[in-house]
């Protein structure tokens, strides 16, 4: 049949029918296409004006008024400068500390007149230290969304969604991390972490933790039970380890932590990832500013101290959002930044 000889109306119908048959034939030969999962609806945003937690500082001491320094004769002054130079060149700290110095760096002579010696300078003002903010109550329901990037400020390859529910002294915390967009076409990855246990609204006392991982079709599961009565960690593999009373899992540690020490101190925390147990040591920095898609946030920064050849971890908690986590950074064994998760949305409800 010659399509060109058909009337215009029939010609259009014939072309449409041929195109439809061609598309259906092509779909029969193609492998099945997996459509992206529908994103869950966000809970309603509850806005509430609250005062930003203040970082308290210790008052600095005022410096004492300086006394008028006696003027030394030129010859004695020159001799004392030479003596001070010799002390500065010495490698013995004890030698240098044994020689008192005046404001110009010259030392007093053992045989000189004390009245001619320079008055000792006043003690420098005490540096104010930032005090850690108090631990706030956790919300009854929280939903957080993160953008997952490769390296430091690198390309976005996935997202992470955290949901916290607290009811009648119990909590459930779920985190789902997956690749999205073009990255999902290259590598299909999904990790679901679940932590549950008791809570008083501030401290999460983990009882069970599990991980369900799907990596390009391969699936693996890990879990651990924290048996406080028997003082044991019981892993799904059957392995058992002694249980430290203050052990947290790798997910719950993002939402609660022991009382914060002073900035610069080191905080030890026992953590399990469902396969093993490890003692982490975090260095703390308070009132650190962080730029995020949600704007500038005042954070408490946890940095895991790790020897060469070990993986590292950094966590930032926002003071404006009840110290909820707003950024995570994973450090490779070679010291490079493997990836980051940065907050893009926070929803909380009571």
Protein backbone atom coordinates (compact mmCIF):
# COMPACT_ATOMS: atom_id res chain seq x y z
CA UNK A 1 0.00 0.00 0.00
CA UNK A 2 1.31 3.38 -1.01
CA UNK A 3 0.77 5.78 1.90
CA UNK A 4 1.45 8.77 -0.36
CA UNK A 5 -1.61 7.98 -2.47
CA UNK A 6 -3.99 7.94 0.54
CA UNK A 7 -6.23 10.85 1.43
CA UNK A 8 -4.74 13.25 4.03
CA UNK A 9 -6.91 11.99 6.92
CA UNK A 10 -6.06 8.33 6.27
CA UNK A 11 -2.41 9.23 5.70
CA UNK A 12 -2.13 10.76 9.21
CA UNK A 13 -3.86 7.73 10.76
CA UNK A 14 -1.52 5.31 8.97
CA UNK A 15 1.59 7.20 10.11
CA UNK A 16 0.40 7.28 13.75
CA UNK A 17 -0.41 3.53 13.65
CA UNK A 18 3.04 2.70 12.25
CA UNK A 19 4.78 4.81 14.91
CA UNK A 20 2.78 3.14 17.69
CA UNK A 21 3.68 -0.35 16.43
CA UNK A 22 7.34 0.61 16.22
CA UNK A 23 7.40 1.91 19.82
CA UNK A 24 5.71 -1.24 21.15
CA UNK A 25 8.13 -3.47 19.28
CA UNK A 26 11.08 -1.52 20.70
CA UNK A 27 9.76 -1.86 24.26
CA UNK A 28 9.45 -5.61 23.87
CA UNK A 29 13.17 -5.90 23.10
CA UNK A 30 14.39 -3.51 25.80
CA UNK A 31 15.20 -4.65 29.36
CA UNK A 32 12.70 -3.55 32.03
CA UNK A 33 13.18 0.02 33.22
CA UNK A 34 12.92 0.61 36.99
CA UNK A 35 11.07 3.83 37.73
CA UNK A 36 12.36 5.98 40.61
CA UNK A 37 10.67 5.49 43.95
CA UNK A 38 8.06 8.04 44.89
CA UNK A 39 9.36 10.45 47.52
CA UNK A 40 7.41 10.37 50.80
CA UNK A 41 5.49 13.51 51.64
CA UNK A 42 7.16 15.82 54.13
CA UNK A 43 5.37 16.41 57.43
CA UNK A 44 3.97 19.93 57.84
CA UNK A 45 6.54 22.57 58.71
CA UNK A 46 6.04 24.02 62.18
CA UNK A 47 7.68 27.41 62.58
CA UNK A 48 8.45 28.72 66.05
CA UNK A 49 10.58 31.68 67.08
CA UNK A 50 13.12 30.66 69.69
CA UNK A 51 16.12 32.40 71.15
CA UNK A 52 19.43 31.22 69.70
CA UNK A 53 21.42 29.33 72.36
CA UNK A 54 24.12 31.63 73.61
CA UNK A 55 27.72 30.52 73.95
CA UNK A 56 28.77 31.65 77.41
CA UNK A 57 32.26 32.98 77.95
CA UNK A 58 34.29 33.43 81.07
CA UNK A 59 34.97 37.09 81.92
CA UNK A 60 38.49 38.22 81.18
CA UNK A 61 40.56 39.67 84.01
CA UNK A 62 41.59 43.30 83.70
CA UNK A 63 45.30 43.90 83.41
CA UNK A 64 46.94 45.62 86.36
CA UNK A 65 48.24 49.17 85.73
CA UNK A 66 51.86 49.30 84.67
CA UNK A 67 54.47 50.80 86.91
CA UNK A 68 56.91 53.37 85.66
CA UNK A 69 60.16 51.69 84.61
CA UNK A 70 63.48 53.02 85.87
CA UNK A 71 65.85 54.21 83.13
CA UNK A 72 69.19 52.39 83.05
CA UNK A 73 72.48 54.08 82.25
CA UNK A 74 73.60 53.48 78.63
CA UNK A 75 76.52 51.15 79.55
CA UNK A 76 74.46 48.95 81.88
CA UNK A 77 71.61 48.82 79.38
CA UNK A 78 73.94 47.66 76.59
CA UNK A 79 75.44 44.95 78.79
CA UNK A 80 72.01 43.66 79.78
CA UNK A 81 70.89 43.47 76.11
CA UNK A 82 73.97 41.36 75.33
CA UNK A 83 73.13 39.06 78.23
CA UNK A 84 69.53 38.71 77.04
CA UNK A 85 70.73 37.78 73.54
CA UNK A 86 72.88 35.04 74.98
CA UNK A 87 69.96 33.66 76.98
CA UNK A 88 67.67 33.71 73.93
CA UNK A 89 70.26 31.74 71.94
CA UNK A 90 70.43 29.07 74.64
CA UNK A 91 68.54 25.83 73.98
CA UNK A 92 67.83 25.17 77.66
CA UNK A 93 64.31 26.31 78.70
CA UNK A 94 65.33 26.23 82.36
CA UNK A 95 68.16 28.69 81.73
CA UNK A 96 65.84 31.14 80.05
CA UNK A 97 63.16 30.88 82.72
CA UNK A 98 65.66 31.43 85.51
CA UNK A 99 66.49 34.92 84.20
CA UNK A 100 63.79 37.56 84.87
CA UNK A 101 63.19 40.01 82.04
CA UNK A 102 62.01 43.61 81.82
CA UNK A 103 59.58 45.02 79.24
CA UNK A 104 62.32 45.50 76.63
CA UNK A 105 63.51 41.92 76.92
CA UNK A 106 66.65 42.86 78.95
CA UNK A 107 67.51 40.80 82.00
CA UNK A 108 68.40 42.13 85.41
CA UNK A 109 71.93 41.76 86.69
CA UNK A 110 72.68 39.75 89.83
CA UNK A 111 74.87 42.58 91.08
CA UNK A 112 72.70 45.45 89.83
CA UNK A 113 70.64 47.70 92.01
CA UNK A 114 67.11 46.29 92.48
CA UNK A 115 65.74 49.83 92.37
CA UNK A 116 67.14 50.17 88.84
CA UNK A 117 65.56 46.90 87.66
CA UNK A 118 62.50 47.01 85.47
CA UNK A 119 59.16 46.18 86.98
CA UNK A 120 57.78 42.79 85.97
CA UNK A 121 55.02 43.04 83.33
CA UNK A 122 51.47 42.23 84.48
CA UNK A 123 49.98 38.87 83.68
CA UNK A 124 48.24 38.82 80.27
CA UNK A 125 44.44 38.86 80.26
CA UNK A 126 42.85 35.46 80.58
CA UNK A 127 41.48 34.19 77.24
CA UNK A 128 37.73 33.65 77.31
CA UNK A 129 36.68 30.05 76.58
CA UNK A 130 33.46 29.12 74.82
CA UNK A 131 31.21 27.01 77.01
CA UNK A 132 29.21 24.21 75.34
CA UNK A 133 25.47 24.74 74.92
CA UNK A 134 23.10 22.70 77.11
CA UNK A 135 21.44 19.62 75.67
CA UNK A 136 17.89 20.43 74.49
CA UNK A 137 14.89 18.09 74.46
CA UNK A 138 14.47 16.09 71.26
CA UNK A 139 11.31 16.71 69.20
CA UNK A 140 8.61 14.02 69.25
CA UNK A 141 8.77 13.84 65.46
CA UNK A 142 11.60 15.05 63.24
CA UNK A 143 12.27 14.66 59.53
CA UNK A 144 15.64 15.67 58.05
CA UNK A 145 16.78 15.57 54.44
CA UNK A 146 20.43 15.66 53.34
CA UNK A 147 22.15 15.99 49.99
CA UNK A 148 24.94 13.41 49.56
CA UNK A 149 28.03 14.56 47.67
CA UNK A 150 31.25 12.95 46.49
CA UNK A 151 34.38 14.42 48.09
CA UNK A 152 34.41 17.92 49.56
CA UNK A 153 31.70 20.15 48.05
CA UNK A 154 31.62 17.71 45.12
CA UNK A 155 28.89 16.48 42.79
CA UNK A 156 25.56 15.46 44.31
CA UNK A 157 24.96 11.72 43.84
CA UNK A 158 22.25 10.88 46.34
CA UNK A 159 20.12 11.90 49.29
CA UNK A 160 19.57 10.76 52.86
CA UNK A 161 16.30 10.98 54.79
CA UNK A 162 16.16 10.66 58.58
CA UNK A 163 12.96 10.23 60.58
CA UNK A 164 12.80 10.29 64.39
CA UNK A 165 9.66 9.27 66.30
CA UNK A 166 9.31 9.39 70.10
CA UNK A 167 6.24 8.03 71.84
CA UNK A 168 5.62 6.82 75.42
CA UNK A 169 9.27 6.61 76.36
CA UNK A 170 10.26 4.72 73.21
CA UNK A 171 12.02 5.96 70.08
CA UNK A 172 12.45 4.75 66.51
CA UNK A 173 15.06 6.32 64.26
CA UNK A 174 15.24 5.42 60.56
CA UNK A 175 17.70 6.67 57.94
CA UNK A 176 17.47 5.88 54.22
CA UNK A 177 20.42 6.75 51.96
CA UNK A 178 20.29 6.13 48.21
CA UNK A 179 21.67 7.21 44.89
CA UNK A 180 19.42 9.43 42.77
CA UNK A 181 19.28 10.88 39.26
CA UNK A 182 22.04 10.04 36.81
CA UNK A 183 24.16 8.55 39.60
CA UNK A 184 21.49 5.88 40.10
CA UNK A 185 21.85 4.81 36.45
CA UNK A 186 25.56 4.20 37.08
CA UNK A 187 25.27 2.64 40.55
CA UNK A 188 22.11 1.55 42.34
CA UNK A 189 22.68 1.87 46.08
CA UNK A 190 20.30 1.96 49.02
CA UNK A 191 21.03 1.72 52.75
CA UNK A 192 18.31 1.58 55.41
CA UNK A 193 19.46 2.00 59.02
CA UNK A 194 17.13 1.54 61.99
CA UNK A 195 17.76 2.24 65.66
CA UNK A 196 15.23 1.71 68.46
CA UNK A 197 15.10 1.70 72.24
CA UNK A 198 14.17 3.74 75.28
CA UNK A 199 14.43 7.51 75.74
CA UNK A 200 13.73 10.20 78.29
CA UNK A 201 13.47 12.82 75.56
CA UNK A 202 17.18 13.66 75.70
CA UNK A 203 19.21 10.44 75.84
CA UNK A 204 18.56 7.59 73.39
CA UNK A 205 19.27 4.21 75.02
CA UNK A 206 19.74 1.88 72.06
CA UNK A 207 18.35 -1.64 72.31
CA UNK A 208 18.49 -2.74 68.65
CA UNK A 209 20.27 -1.51 65.55
CA UNK A 210 20.11 -2.91 62.00
CA UNK A 211 21.38 -2.16 58.49
CA UNK A 212 19.81 -3.35 55.23
CA UNK A 213 22.02 -2.61 52.23
CA UNK A 214 21.34 -3.03 48.50
CA UNK A 215 24.34 -2.47 46.25
CA UNK A 216 23.81 -3.09 42.52
CA UNK A 217 21.47 -5.99 43.20
CA UNK A 218 23.53 -7.50 46.01
CA UNK A 219 21.81 -7.42 49.39
CA UNK A 220 23.31 -7.68 52.88
CA UNK A 221 21.90 -7.35 56.39
CA UNK A 222 23.56 -6.71 59.75
CA UNK A 223 22.06 -6.19 63.18
CA UNK A 224 22.95 -6.11 66.85
CA UNK A 225 21.00 -6.38 70.10
CA UNK A 226 22.19 -4.50 73.15
CA UNK A 227 21.40 -6.83 76.05
CA UNK A 228 21.89 -4.67 79.15
CA UNK A 229 20.74 -7.42 81.54
CA UNK A 230 23.46 -9.78 80.32
CA UNK A 231 25.91 -6.92 79.59
CA UNK A 232 26.43 -8.23 76.05
CA UNK A 233 26.33 -7.10 72.45
CA UNK A 234 24.66 -9.91 70.48
CA UNK A 235 25.26 -9.70 66.71
CA UNK A 236 23.14 -11.41 64.04
CA UNK A 237 26.17 -13.53 63.16
CA UNK A 238 26.05 -15.06 66.65
CA UNK A 239 29.12 -13.18 67.83
CA UNK A 240 28.98 -11.71 71.33
CA UNK A 241 30.98 -8.91 72.93
CA UNK A 242 30.97 -7.22 76.36
CA UNK A 243 28.53 -4.30 76.46
CA UNK A 244 29.65 -0.93 77.73
CA UNK A 245 26.76 0.80 79.49
CA UNK A 246 27.20 3.96 77.38
CA UNK A 247 27.43 2.26 73.96
CA UNK A 248 25.55 3.95 71.11
CA UNK A 249 24.98 2.83 67.54
CA UNK A 250 26.35 4.67 64.51
CA UNK A 251 22.92 6.23 63.80
CA UNK A 252 21.68 7.21 67.27
CA UNK A 253 24.96 9.01 68.02
CA UNK A 254 23.81 11.65 65.51
CA UNK A 255 20.86 12.56 67.73
CA UNK A 256 22.20 12.35 71.26
CA UNK A 257 25.52 12.44 73.02
CA UNK A 258 26.88 12.59 76.57
CA UNK A 259 27.17 16.01 78.27
CA UNK A 260 29.41 18.19 76.14
CA UNK A 261 32.89 18.95 77.48
CA UNK A 262 34.63 22.28 77.07
CA UNK A 263 35.73 23.23 73.57
CA UNK A 264 39.02 21.57 72.71
CA UNK A 265 38.47 18.64 75.06
CA UNK A 266 38.26 15.03 73.86
CA UNK A 267 35.08 13.00 74.34
CA UNK A 268 35.25 9.16 74.32
CA UNK A 269 32.17 7.34 72.97
CA UNK A 270 31.63 3.58 72.43
CA UNK A 271 29.85 2.89 69.11
CA UNK A 272 28.59 -0.21 67.27
CA UNK A 273 27.80 -0.41 63.55
CA UNK A 274 25.94 -3.72 63.70
CA UNK A 275 29.05 -5.73 62.81
CA UNK A 276 31.60 -4.61 65.39
CA UNK A 277 32.26 -2.35 68.37
CA UNK A 278 34.76 0.50 68.58
CA UNK A 279 35.77 3.22 71.01
CA UNK A 280 35.61 6.60 69.25
CA UNK A 281 37.35 9.72 70.52
CA UNK A 282 35.84 13.02 69.38
CA UNK A 283 37.46 16.44 69.58
CA UNK A 284 34.87 19.18 70.18
CA UNK A 285 34.66 22.70 68.75
CA UNK A 286 31.78 24.98 69.79
CA UNK A 287 30.11 27.95 68.09
CA UNK A 288 31.54 27.11 64.66
CA UNK A 289 29.72 28.76 61.75
CA UNK A 290 28.62 26.53 58.87
CA UNK A 291 27.18 27.60 55.49
CA UNK A 292 24.41 25.26 54.28
CA UNK A 293 21.51 25.39 51.78
CA UNK A 294 19.42 26.39 54.82
CA UNK A 295 21.69 29.38 55.46
CA UNK A 296 24.39 30.08 58.04
CA UNK A 297 24.17 27.92 61.16
CA UNK A 298 25.99 28.03 64.49
CA UNK A 299 27.20 24.51 65.16
CA UNK A 300 28.98 22.20 67.56
CA UNK A 301 31.60 20.29 65.59
CA UNK A 302 32.60 16.71 66.48
CA UNK A 303 35.81 15.46 64.83
CA UNK A 304 36.82 11.83 65.31
CA UNK A 305 40.48 11.46 66.25
CA UNK A 306 41.97 8.58 64.28
CA UNK A 307 45.50 7.32 63.62
CA UNK A 308 46.90 7.04 60.06
CA UNK A 309 45.32 4.21 58.13
CA UNK A 310 41.97 4.50 59.95
CA UNK A 311 38.73 6.01 58.69
CA UNK A 312 37.56 9.32 60.12
CA UNK A 313 34.21 10.96 60.82
CA UNK A 314 33.08 14.55 61.39
CA UNK A 315 29.63 15.70 62.55
CA UNK A 316 28.16 19.20 62.80
CA UNK A 317 25.16 19.86 65.11
CA UNK A 318 23.06 23.02 64.70
CA UNK A 319 22.38 25.11 67.80
CA UNK A 320 19.38 26.71 66.08
CA UNK A 321 17.75 23.28 65.60
CA UNK A 322 18.08 21.60 69.02
CA UNK A 323 21.54 20.27 68.15
CA UNK A 324 20.19 18.11 65.33
CA UNK A 325 22.83 16.94 62.82
CA UNK A 326 23.26 19.21 59.78
CA UNK A 327 26.44 17.90 58.18
CA UNK A 328 28.40 14.64 58.11
CA UNK A 329 31.79 14.01 56.54
CA UNK A 330 33.46 10.64 55.98
CA UNK A 331 37.27 10.50 55.82
CA UNK A 332 39.03 7.70 53.91
CA UNK A 333 41.95 5.71 55.33
CA UNK A 334 44.38 7.78 53.24
CA UNK A 335 43.05 11.02 54.75
CA UNK A 336 41.01 12.13 51.72
CA UNK A 337 37.36 13.18 52.01
CA UNK A 338 35.20 10.35 50.67
CA UNK A 339 31.89 12.17 50.85
CA UNK A 340 29.63 14.58 52.69
CA UNK A 341 25.95 14.79 53.60
CA UNK A 342 24.67 18.37 53.99
CA UNK A 343 21.25 19.33 55.36
CA UNK A 344 18.68 20.73 52.93
CA UNK A 345 15.48 20.55 54.99
CA UNK A 346 14.37 20.07 58.61
CA UNK A 347 10.78 19.48 59.76
CA UNK A 348 9.89 18.99 63.44
CA UNK A 349 6.63 18.49 65.30
CA UNK A 350 5.60 17.95 68.91
